[in-house]
Amino acid sequence: MGAHGNVHIPSESWPNWTWYALEFAIVLAASMVVAWKVSDAILPAVAAAAGHAGALASWEGISIHSPEFRALEAGVEARIVTMSNWAFYAIVGGVFLAWYVLIRGLALKKRVLG
């Protein structure tokens, strides 16, 4: 019995680069969610680093989208948001670095689907 000529074999017909694109999208989404949650949690520390720790009576439960934060003076708000953005993208970059260099490069030591 011979095989049919129209048999679909994924490893031979599926473009290999799509697995890398899928992995990139998953790592990007996961790193952005982690950075979003962490940057909201460290907002008091970011405000303190910007020199505006006393801008609000309590930073507990405050995010950059909350009405209490939006009521701050425009210059103070802009400085804290700028520093928060730097923290956000530093965390995104850290997760990428951890995944592609440490985990994938050193721990796995092999190609995806290789």
N, C-alpha and C. Protein backbone atom coordinates (compact mmCIF):
# COMPACT_ATOMS: atom_id res chain seq x y z
N MET A 1 0.83 -1.18 0.00
CA MET A 1 0.00 0.00 0.00
C MET A 1 0.87 1.24 0.00
N GLY A 2 0.69 2.05 -0.94
CA GLY A 2 1.43 3.30 -1.02
C GLY A 2 0.66 4.45 -0.42
N ALA A 3 1.37 5.49 -0.10
CA ALA A 3 0.74 6.68 0.47
C ALA A 3 0.22 7.55 -0.67
N HIS A 4 -0.81 8.29 -0.36
CA HIS A 4 -1.36 9.21 -1.33
C HIS A 4 -0.43 10.42 -1.50
N GLY A 5 -0.44 11.03 -2.64
CA GLY A 5 0.40 12.19 -2.90
C GLY A 5 -0.11 13.46 -2.23
N ASN A 6 -1.31 13.45 -1.72
CA ASN A 6 -1.88 14.65 -1.10
C ASN A 6 -1.93 14.57 0.42
N VAL A 7 -1.09 13.77 1.02
CA VAL A 7 -1.05 13.63 2.47
C VAL A 7 -0.36 14.86 3.06
N HIS A 8 -0.97 15.41 4.10
CA HIS A 8 -0.40 16.61 4.74
C HIS A 8 0.50 16.17 5.89
N ILE A 9 1.78 16.51 5.79
CA ILE A 9 2.75 16.23 6.85
C ILE A 9 3.19 17.59 7.39
N PRO A 10 2.76 17.95 8.62
CA PRO A 10 3.02 19.30 9.12
C PRO A 10 4.49 19.70 9.13
N SER A 11 5.37 18.78 9.49
CA SER A 11 6.78 19.16 9.58
C SER A 11 7.38 19.46 8.22
N GLU A 12 6.75 19.00 7.16
CA GLU A 12 7.29 19.24 5.83
C GLU A 12 6.58 20.37 5.08
N SER A 13 5.34 20.67 5.47
CA SER A 13 4.61 21.68 4.73
C SER A 13 4.34 22.96 5.51
N TRP A 14 4.36 22.89 6.83
CA TRP A 14 4.09 24.07 7.64
C TRP A 14 5.36 24.93 7.66
N PRO A 15 5.27 26.22 7.40
CA PRO A 15 6.47 27.06 7.42
C PRO A 15 7.07 27.12 8.82
N ASN A 16 8.34 26.84 8.92
CA ASN A 16 9.00 26.74 10.22
C ASN A 16 9.06 28.08 10.95
N TRP A 17 9.12 29.19 10.22
CA TRP A 17 9.23 30.49 10.87
C TRP A 17 7.99 30.84 11.67
N THR A 18 6.83 30.24 11.36
CA THR A 18 5.61 30.58 12.09
C THR A 18 5.69 30.14 13.55
N TRP A 19 6.47 29.07 13.83
CA TRP A 19 6.62 28.65 15.22
C TRP A 19 7.40 29.71 16.00
N TYR A 20 8.39 30.30 15.37
CA TYR A 20 9.15 31.37 16.03
C TYR A 20 8.28 32.61 16.21
N ALA A 21 7.44 32.92 15.25
CA ALA A 21 6.53 34.06 15.36
C ALA A 21 5.51 33.82 16.47
N LEU A 22 5.00 32.60 16.57
CA LEU A 22 4.06 32.25 17.62
C LEU A 22 4.72 32.35 19.00
N GLU A 23 5.93 31.85 19.11
CA GLU A 23 6.66 31.94 20.37
C GLU A 23 6.91 33.40 20.75
N PHE A 24 7.30 34.22 19.78
CA PHE A 24 7.53 35.64 20.03
C PHE A 24 6.25 36.32 20.52
N ALA A 25 5.12 36.02 19.89
CA ALA A 25 3.85 36.63 20.30
C ALA A 25 3.46 36.22 21.72
N ILE A 26 3.68 34.97 22.05
CA ILE A 26 3.35 34.50 23.40
C ILE A 26 4.27 35.15 24.44
N VAL A 27 5.56 35.22 24.15
CA VAL A 27 6.50 35.84 25.08
C VAL A 27 6.19 37.33 25.22
N LEU A 28 5.86 37.99 24.12
CA LEU A 28 5.51 39.42 24.18
C LEU A 28 4.27 39.64 25.03
N ALA A 29 3.24 38.84 24.82
CA ALA A 29 2.00 39.00 25.59
C ALA A 29 2.25 38.73 27.07
N ALA A 30 2.97 37.66 27.37
CA ALA A 30 3.24 37.33 28.77
C ALA A 30 4.09 38.40 29.44
N SER A 31 5.09 38.91 28.73
CA SER A 31 5.95 39.93 29.34
C SER A 31 5.20 41.23 29.56
N MET A 32 4.27 41.57 28.67
CA MET A 32 3.50 42.80 28.86
C MET A 32 2.53 42.67 30.03
N VAL A 33 1.94 41.51 30.22
CA VAL A 33 1.04 41.31 31.36
C VAL A 33 1.82 41.37 32.66
N VAL A 34 2.99 40.71 32.69
CA VAL A 34 3.82 40.75 33.89
C VAL A 34 4.25 42.18 34.19
N ALA A 35 4.68 42.91 33.17
CA ALA A 35 5.13 44.28 33.38
C ALA A 35 3.98 45.19 33.82
N TRP A 36 2.79 44.97 33.28
CA TRP A 36 1.63 45.76 33.66
C TRP A 36 1.32 45.57 35.15
N LYS A 37 1.28 44.32 35.58
CA LYS A 37 0.96 44.04 36.99
C LYS A 37 2.05 44.54 37.93
N VAL A 38 3.30 44.32 37.55
CA VAL A 38 4.41 44.74 38.42
C VAL A 38 4.53 46.26 38.46
N SER A 39 4.36 46.93 37.32
CA SER A 39 4.49 48.39 37.32
C SER A 39 3.38 49.06 38.12
N ASP A 40 2.20 48.46 38.16
CA ASP A 40 1.16 49.00 39.04
C ASP A 40 1.52 48.79 40.50
N ALA A 41 2.16 47.65 40.80
CA ALA A 41 2.51 47.35 42.19
C ALA A 41 3.66 48.23 42.69
N ILE A 42 4.56 48.65 41.80
CA ILE A 42 5.70 49.44 42.23
C ILE A 42 5.50 50.94 42.01
N LEU A 43 4.29 51.36 41.73
CA LEU A 43 4.02 52.78 41.50
C LEU A 43 4.44 53.65 42.68
N PRO A 44 4.21 53.25 43.94
CA PRO A 44 4.70 54.08 45.05
C PRO A 44 6.22 54.25 45.03
N ALA A 45 6.94 53.20 44.70
CA ALA A 45 8.40 53.29 44.63
C ALA A 45 8.84 54.17 43.47
N VAL A 46 8.12 54.10 42.36
CA VAL A 46 8.42 54.94 41.20
C VAL A 46 8.17 56.41 41.56
N ALA A 47 7.09 56.68 42.26
CA ALA A 47 6.80 58.06 42.68
C ALA A 47 7.85 58.56 43.66
N ALA A 48 8.32 57.69 44.53
CA ALA A 48 9.36 58.09 45.46
C ALA A 48 10.67 58.36 44.73
N ALA A 49 10.98 57.56 43.72
CA ALA A 49 12.20 57.78 42.93
C ALA A 49 12.11 59.07 42.14
N ALA A 50 10.91 59.45 41.75
CA ALA A 50 10.72 60.71 41.02
C ALA A 50 10.70 61.91 41.95
N GLY A 51 10.71 61.65 43.26
CA GLY A 51 10.72 62.74 44.23
C GLY A 51 9.34 63.23 44.61
N HIS A 52 8.32 62.44 44.34
CA HIS A 52 6.95 62.85 44.63
C HIS A 52 6.21 61.82 45.48
N ALA A 53 6.90 61.24 46.46
CA ALA A 53 6.27 60.23 47.32
C ALA A 53 5.14 60.83 48.15
N GLY A 54 5.23 62.11 48.49
CA GLY A 54 4.22 62.75 49.31
C GLY A 54 3.09 63.39 48.51
N ALA A 55 3.04 63.12 47.22
CA ALA A 55 2.01 63.74 46.39
C ALA A 55 0.61 63.27 46.78
N LEU A 56 0.49 62.03 47.21
CA LEU A 56 -0.79 61.50 47.67
C LEU A 56 -0.62 61.05 49.11
N ALA A 57 -1.70 61.07 49.87
CA ALA A 57 -1.65 60.63 51.26
C ALA A 57 -1.35 59.14 51.34
N SER A 58 -1.97 58.38 50.47
CA SER A 58 -1.74 56.93 50.44
C SER A 58 -1.68 56.47 48.99
N TRP A 59 -0.66 55.69 48.67
CA TRP A 59 -0.50 55.18 47.31
C TRP A 59 -1.12 53.78 47.16
N GLU A 60 -1.71 53.29 48.21
CA GLU A 60 -2.26 51.94 48.17
C GLU A 60 -3.47 51.87 47.24
N GLY A 61 -3.44 50.96 46.31
CA GLY A 61 -4.54 50.77 45.37
C GLY A 61 -4.60 51.80 44.26
N ILE A 62 -3.55 52.59 44.12
CA ILE A 62 -3.51 53.65 43.10
C ILE A 62 -2.78 53.13 41.87
N SER A 63 -3.34 53.38 40.71
CA SER A 63 -2.64 53.11 39.45
C SER A 63 -2.61 54.43 38.66
N ILE A 64 -1.92 54.43 37.53
CA ILE A 64 -1.83 55.67 36.78
C ILE A 64 -3.15 56.03 36.09
N HIS A 65 -4.12 55.14 36.16
CA HIS A 65 -5.42 55.39 35.55
C HIS A 65 -6.50 55.76 36.57
N SER A 66 -6.15 55.74 37.84
CA SER A 66 -7.15 56.03 38.87
C SER A 66 -7.43 57.54 38.94
N PRO A 67 -8.63 57.92 39.37
CA PRO A 67 -9.00 59.34 39.43
C PRO A 67 -8.13 60.14 40.40
N GLU A 68 -7.70 59.52 41.50
CA GLU A 68 -6.84 60.21 42.46
C GLU A 68 -5.51 60.60 41.82
N PHE A 69 -4.99 59.70 41.00
CA PHE A 69 -3.71 59.98 40.33
C PHE A 69 -3.90 61.05 39.26
N ARG A 70 -4.99 60.98 38.52
CA ARG A 70 -5.27 61.96 37.47
C ARG A 70 -5.51 63.36 38.03
N ALA A 71 -5.86 63.45 39.32
CA ALA A 71 -6.11 64.74 39.94
C ALA A 71 -4.82 65.45 40.36
N LEU A 72 -3.69 64.78 40.24
CA LEU A 72 -2.41 65.41 40.59
C LEU A 72 -2.08 66.54 39.63
N GLU A 73 -1.17 67.38 40.03
CA GLU A 73 -0.69 68.46 39.16
C GLU A 73 -0.10 67.84 37.89
N ALA A 74 -0.27 68.51 36.77
CA ALA A 74 0.12 67.95 35.47
C ALA A 74 1.61 67.60 35.40
N GLY A 75 2.45 68.44 35.95
CA GLY A 75 3.89 68.18 35.90
C GLY A 75 4.28 66.97 36.73
N VAL A 76 3.68 66.84 37.90
CA VAL A 76 3.96 65.70 38.77
C VAL A 76 3.47 64.42 38.12
N GLU A 77 2.26 64.48 37.60
CA GLU A 77 1.69 63.31 36.92
C GLU A 77 2.55 62.89 35.74
N ALA A 78 2.98 63.84 34.93
CA ALA A 78 3.78 63.53 33.75
C ALA A 78 5.11 62.89 34.14
N ARG A 79 5.74 63.41 35.18
CA ARG A 79 7.03 62.84 35.59
C ARG A 79 6.88 61.42 36.10
N ILE A 80 5.85 61.16 36.90
CA ILE A 80 5.64 59.81 37.43
C ILE A 80 5.26 58.85 36.30
N VAL A 81 4.42 59.29 35.37
CA VAL A 81 4.04 58.43 34.24
C VAL A 81 5.25 58.12 33.37
N THR A 82 6.11 59.10 33.15
CA THR A 82 7.31 58.86 32.35
C THR A 82 8.21 57.82 33.01
N MET A 83 8.43 57.95 34.30
CA MET A 83 9.25 56.97 35.00
C MET A 83 8.58 55.61 35.05
N SER A 84 7.25 55.60 35.17
CA SER A 84 6.51 54.34 35.17
C SER A 84 6.62 53.65 33.81
N ASN A 85 6.60 54.44 32.74
CA ASN A 85 6.78 53.86 31.39
C ASN A 85 8.17 53.24 31.24
N TRP A 86 9.19 53.92 31.75
CA TRP A 86 10.54 53.36 31.70
C TRP A 86 10.60 52.04 32.47
N ALA A 87 9.96 52.00 33.64
CA ALA A 87 9.93 50.77 34.44
C ALA A 87 9.19 49.66 33.68
N PHE A 88 8.07 50.01 33.06
CA PHE A 88 7.29 49.03 32.30
C PHE A 88 8.13 48.39 31.20
N TYR A 89 8.78 49.22 30.38
CA TYR A 89 9.54 48.66 29.26
C TYR A 89 10.82 47.99 29.72
N ALA A 90 11.37 48.39 30.85
CA ALA A 90 12.52 47.67 31.41
C ALA A 90 12.11 46.27 31.85
N ILE A 91 10.93 46.14 32.41
CA ILE A 91 10.44 44.82 32.83
C ILE A 91 10.15 43.96 31.60
N VAL A 92 9.53 44.54 30.57
CA VAL A 92 9.29 43.80 29.32
C VAL A 92 10.62 43.31 28.75
N GLY A 93 11.61 44.18 28.69
CA GLY A 93 12.92 43.78 28.19
C GLY A 93 13.59 42.73 29.06
N GLY A 94 13.40 42.83 30.36
CA GLY A 94 13.96 41.83 31.27
C GLY A 94 13.36 40.45 31.07
N VAL A 95 12.05 40.41 30.85
CA VAL A 95 11.40 39.12 30.60
C VAL A 95 11.89 38.54 29.28
N PHE A 96 12.02 39.38 28.24
CA PHE A 96 12.55 38.91 26.96
C PHE A 96 13.97 38.38 27.13
N LEU A 97 14.80 39.13 27.84
CA LEU A 97 16.17 38.70 28.07
C LEU A 97 16.21 37.38 28.83
N ALA A 98 15.39 37.27 29.86
CA ALA A 98 15.34 36.04 30.64
C ALA A 98 14.91 34.85 29.78
N TRP A 99 13.90 35.06 28.93
CA TRP A 99 13.42 33.95 28.12
C TRP A 99 14.41 33.55 27.03
N TYR A 100 14.82 34.51 26.21
CA TYR A 100 15.62 34.18 25.04
C TYR A 100 17.09 33.89 25.36
N VAL A 101 17.64 34.49 26.41
CA VAL A 101 19.04 34.23 26.72
C VAL A 101 19.18 33.15 27.78
N LEU A 102 18.51 33.32 28.91
CA LEU A 102 18.71 32.38 30.01
C LEU A 102 17.96 31.06 29.80
N ILE A 103 16.66 31.15 29.64
CA ILE A 103 15.87 29.92 29.57
C ILE A 103 16.08 29.20 28.25
N ARG A 104 15.86 29.90 27.16
CA ARG A 104 15.94 29.26 25.85
C ARG A 104 17.37 29.00 25.42
N GLY A 105 18.26 29.95 25.70
CA GLY A 105 19.63 29.82 25.26
C GLY A 105 20.49 28.91 26.11
N LEU A 106 20.32 28.99 27.41
CA LEU A 106 21.18 28.23 28.30
C LEU A 106 20.50 26.98 28.85
N ALA A 107 19.27 27.10 29.28
CA ALA A 107 18.59 25.96 29.92
C ALA A 107 18.11 24.93 28.90
N LEU A 108 17.49 25.38 27.83
CA LEU A 108 16.97 24.44 26.85
C LEU A 108 18.06 23.94 25.90
N LYS A 109 18.95 24.83 25.48
CA LYS A 109 20.09 24.51 24.63
C LYS A 109 19.74 23.73 23.37
N LYS A 110 18.56 23.94 22.88
CA LYS A 110 18.22 23.33 21.60
C LYS A 110 17.18 24.19 20.92
N ARG A 111 17.07 24.04 19.64
CA ARG A 111 16.12 24.82 18.88
C ARG A 111 14.70 24.34 19.13
N VAL A 112 13.78 25.25 18.94
CA VAL A 112 12.37 24.86 19.03
C VAL A 112 12.05 23.96 17.86
N LEU A 113 11.41 22.85 18.12
CA LEU A 113 11.04 21.85 17.12
C LEU A 113 12.26 21.36 16.32
N GLY A 114 13.41 21.38 16.94
CA GLY A 114 14.64 20.97 16.25
C GLY A 114 14.92 19.57 16.54
